[in-house]
N, C-alpha and C. Protein backbone atom coordinates (compact mmCIF):
# COMPACT_ATOMS: atom_id res chain seq x y z
N MET A 1 -157.08 129.36 6.22
CA MET A 1 -158.06 128.21 6.75
C MET A 1 -158.86 128.71 7.92
N ASN A 2 -160.06 128.27 7.96
CA ASN A 2 -160.91 128.55 9.13
C ASN A 2 -160.58 127.58 10.07
N ARG A 3 -161.08 127.82 11.38
CA ARG A 3 -160.92 126.87 12.53
C ARG A 3 -161.69 125.52 12.09
N GLU A 4 -162.73 125.46 11.69
CA GLU A 4 -163.37 124.33 11.22
C GLU A 4 -162.73 123.34 10.30
N THR A 5 -162.26 123.84 9.40
CA THR A 5 -161.49 123.40 8.36
C THR A 5 -160.03 122.54 8.97
N ILE A 6 -159.48 123.38 9.80
CA ILE A 6 -158.30 122.96 10.49
C ILE A 6 -158.65 121.85 11.38
N CYS A 7 -159.76 121.89 12.08
CA CYS A 7 -159.88 120.80 12.94
C CYS A 7 -160.45 119.39 12.29
N ASP A 8 -161.02 119.57 11.32
CA ASP A 8 -161.53 118.55 10.31
C ASP A 8 -160.15 117.84 9.76
N GLU A 9 -159.24 118.75 9.11
CA GLU A 9 -157.84 118.26 8.81
C GLU A 9 -157.19 117.59 9.81
N LEU A 10 -157.26 118.10 11.16
CA LEU A 10 -156.40 117.46 12.22
C LEU A 10 -156.93 116.15 12.69
N ARG A 11 -158.29 116.03 12.68
CA ARG A 11 -159.00 114.82 12.81
C ARG A 11 -158.57 113.65 11.80
N ARG A 12 -158.65 114.01 10.75
CA ARG A 12 -158.24 113.12 9.44
C ARG A 12 -156.88 112.75 9.73
N LEU A 13 -156.01 113.70 9.92
CA LEU A 13 -154.48 113.35 10.07
C LEU A 13 -154.26 112.63 11.39
N GLU A 14 -154.98 112.76 12.53
CA GLU A 14 -154.71 111.99 13.74
C GLU A 14 -155.12 110.62 13.39
N GLY A 15 -156.19 110.41 12.70
CA GLY A 15 -156.66 109.00 12.22
C GLY A 15 -155.51 108.41 11.50
N GLU A 16 -154.97 109.03 10.52
CA GLU A 16 -153.87 108.48 9.86
C GLU A 16 -152.60 107.97 10.68
N VAL A 17 -152.31 108.87 11.60
CA VAL A 17 -151.16 108.66 12.61
C VAL A 17 -151.29 107.51 13.34
N VAL A 18 -152.56 107.48 13.78
CA VAL A 18 -152.79 106.14 14.57
C VAL A 18 -152.77 104.75 13.88
N GLU A 19 -153.33 104.97 12.54
CA GLU A 19 -153.38 103.84 11.60
C GLU A 19 -151.87 103.33 11.23
N ALA A 20 -151.00 104.44 10.98
CA ALA A 20 -149.61 104.43 10.73
C ALA A 20 -148.75 103.74 11.76
N GLU A 21 -149.02 104.09 12.91
CA GLU A 21 -148.33 103.50 14.17
C GLU A 21 -148.80 102.21 14.16
N HIS A 22 -149.93 101.49 13.86
CA HIS A 22 -150.18 100.26 13.88
C HIS A 22 -149.40 99.30 12.82
N GLU A 23 -149.32 100.16 11.74
CA GLU A 23 -148.59 99.37 10.56
C GLU A 23 -147.11 99.29 10.64
N LEU A 24 -146.63 100.45 11.40
CA LEU A 24 -145.28 100.57 11.89
C LEU A 24 -144.87 99.31 12.83
N ALA A 25 -145.74 99.08 13.70
CA ALA A 25 -145.53 97.92 14.63
C ALA A 25 -145.63 96.69 14.08
N LYS A 26 -146.57 96.49 13.19
CA LYS A 26 -146.46 95.19 12.25
C LYS A 26 -145.17 94.94 11.55
N GLN A 27 -144.88 96.00 10.75
CA GLN A 27 -143.61 95.92 10.06
C GLN A 27 -142.27 95.65 10.88
N GLU A 28 -142.34 96.48 12.18
CA GLU A 28 -141.20 96.23 13.06
C GLU A 28 -141.33 94.66 13.60
N ALA A 29 -142.35 94.26 13.89
CA ALA A 29 -142.45 92.91 14.28
C ALA A 29 -141.84 91.80 13.20
N LEU A 30 -142.33 92.13 11.99
CA LEU A 30 -141.89 91.33 10.81
C LEU A 30 -140.28 91.41 10.54
N LEU A 31 -139.83 92.55 10.89
CA LEU A 31 -138.44 92.75 10.65
C LEU A 31 -137.58 91.93 11.88
N ILE A 32 -138.18 91.96 13.02
CA ILE A 32 -137.48 91.21 13.99
C ILE A 32 -137.60 89.71 13.74
N ARG A 33 -138.74 89.24 13.30
CA ARG A 33 -138.90 87.86 13.02
C ARG A 33 -138.10 87.26 12.07
N LEU A 34 -137.84 88.13 10.83
CA LEU A 34 -137.00 87.75 9.81
C LEU A 34 -135.61 87.75 10.22
N LYS A 35 -135.16 88.87 11.12
CA LYS A 35 -133.65 88.60 11.38
C LYS A 35 -133.54 87.40 12.46
N GLN A 36 -134.40 87.03 13.23
CA GLN A 36 -134.33 85.78 14.05
C GLN A 36 -134.18 84.58 13.31
N GLU A 37 -134.86 84.60 12.18
CA GLU A 37 -134.83 83.42 11.21
C GLU A 37 -133.64 83.51 10.14
N HIS A 38 -132.75 84.67 10.34
CA HIS A 38 -131.48 84.77 9.57
C HIS A 38 -132.11 84.91 8.07
N GLN A 39 -133.18 85.66 7.91
CA GLN A 39 -133.61 85.78 6.50
C GLN A 39 -133.29 87.14 5.98
N ASP A 40 -133.31 87.55 4.72
CA ASP A 40 -133.01 88.66 4.11
C ASP A 40 -133.93 89.91 4.63
N VAL A 41 -133.64 90.79 5.19
CA VAL A 41 -134.43 91.95 5.81
C VAL A 41 -134.46 93.20 4.96
N SER A 42 -133.66 93.21 3.84
CA SER A 42 -133.34 94.56 3.22
C SER A 42 -134.72 95.14 2.45
N ARG A 43 -135.64 94.48 2.06
CA ARG A 43 -136.92 94.99 1.60
C ARG A 43 -137.63 95.44 2.57
N VAL A 44 -137.82 94.60 3.79
CA VAL A 44 -138.56 95.07 4.83
C VAL A 44 -138.03 96.36 5.52
N ALA A 45 -136.71 96.29 5.77
CA ALA A 45 -136.03 97.45 6.31
C ALA A 45 -136.27 98.72 5.56
N SER A 46 -136.21 98.67 4.26
CA SER A 46 -136.42 99.87 3.34
C SER A 46 -137.85 100.35 3.37
N ALA A 47 -138.83 99.46 3.43
CA ALA A 47 -140.20 99.63 3.63
C ALA A 47 -140.36 100.37 4.97
N LEU A 48 -139.93 99.90 6.05
CA LEU A 48 -139.90 100.39 7.29
C LEU A 48 -139.23 101.84 7.44
N SER A 49 -138.14 102.06 6.73
CA SER A 49 -137.54 103.43 6.71
C SER A 49 -138.63 104.37 6.12
N LEU A 50 -139.07 104.12 4.93
CA LEU A 50 -139.98 104.90 4.26
C LEU A 50 -141.19 105.30 4.96
N MET A 51 -141.79 104.23 5.84
CA MET A 51 -142.83 104.38 6.59
C MET A 51 -142.55 105.37 7.71
N ARG A 52 -141.43 105.23 8.22
CA ARG A 52 -141.04 106.17 9.46
C ARG A 52 -140.96 107.65 8.95
N GLU A 53 -140.52 107.71 7.74
CA GLU A 53 -140.23 109.19 7.19
C GLU A 53 -141.69 109.77 6.93
N GLN A 54 -142.55 108.99 6.54
CA GLN A 54 -143.87 109.40 6.11
C GLN A 54 -144.61 109.70 7.33
N GLN A 55 -144.36 108.88 8.46
CA GLN A 55 -144.90 109.13 9.78
C GLN A 55 -144.42 110.45 10.44
N GLN A 56 -143.13 110.52 10.29
CA GLN A 56 -142.61 111.92 10.59
C GLN A 56 -143.29 113.20 9.87
N SER A 57 -143.38 112.96 8.61
CA SER A 57 -144.14 113.91 8.00
C SER A 57 -145.37 114.23 8.54
N ARG A 58 -146.20 113.22 8.78
CA ARG A 58 -147.60 113.36 9.31
C ARG A 58 -147.54 114.12 10.62
N GLN A 59 -146.56 113.57 11.50
CA GLN A 59 -146.47 114.20 12.75
C GLN A 59 -146.11 115.80 12.52
N GLN A 60 -145.28 116.07 11.64
CA GLN A 60 -144.97 117.60 11.44
C GLN A 60 -146.23 118.25 11.06
N ASP A 61 -146.97 117.75 10.27
CA ASP A 61 -148.35 118.33 9.69
C ASP A 61 -149.14 118.41 10.79
N ARG A 62 -149.21 117.37 11.77
CA ARG A 62 -150.04 117.59 12.78
C ARG A 62 -149.57 118.82 13.81
N LEU A 63 -148.30 118.99 14.08
CA LEU A 63 -147.90 120.04 14.71
C LEU A 63 -148.31 121.43 14.11
N ARG A 64 -148.15 121.36 12.82
CA ARG A 64 -148.36 122.75 12.15
C ARG A 64 -149.93 123.08 12.32
N LEU A 65 -150.79 122.09 12.19
CA LEU A 65 -152.34 122.31 12.42
C LEU A 65 -152.49 122.86 13.79
N LEU A 66 -151.89 121.99 14.70
CA LEU A 66 -152.10 122.58 16.13
C LEU A 66 -151.64 123.98 16.29
N ALA A 67 -150.56 124.26 15.70
CA ALA A 67 -150.09 125.73 15.92
C ALA A 67 -151.04 126.66 15.30
N LEU A 68 -151.62 126.31 14.26
CA LEU A 68 -152.68 127.20 13.61
C LEU A 68 -153.92 127.46 14.54
N LEU A 69 -154.30 126.37 15.27
CA LEU A 69 -155.34 126.36 16.16
C LEU A 69 -155.20 127.28 17.27
N GLN A 70 -153.78 127.57 17.66
CA GLN A 70 -153.38 128.29 18.75
C GLN A 70 -153.45 129.79 18.41
N GLN A 71 -153.34 130.11 17.04
CA GLN A 71 -153.07 131.65 16.80
C GLN A 71 -154.51 132.33 16.94
């Protein structure tokens, strides 16, 4: 990959990371609210777990791209 392509991909990925952080915060707030209301949180907790895994994957991709830029 050339440097410009890496930078483009990094910008795209960083946008996804920011958006996912917002979505994670919303999901976490929903989970807290449901717990306070003594409602079933299993679906929300499962979705939140998946979202965290996906975010971790994005973060790893981001670090990989940053490493490529430093070469």
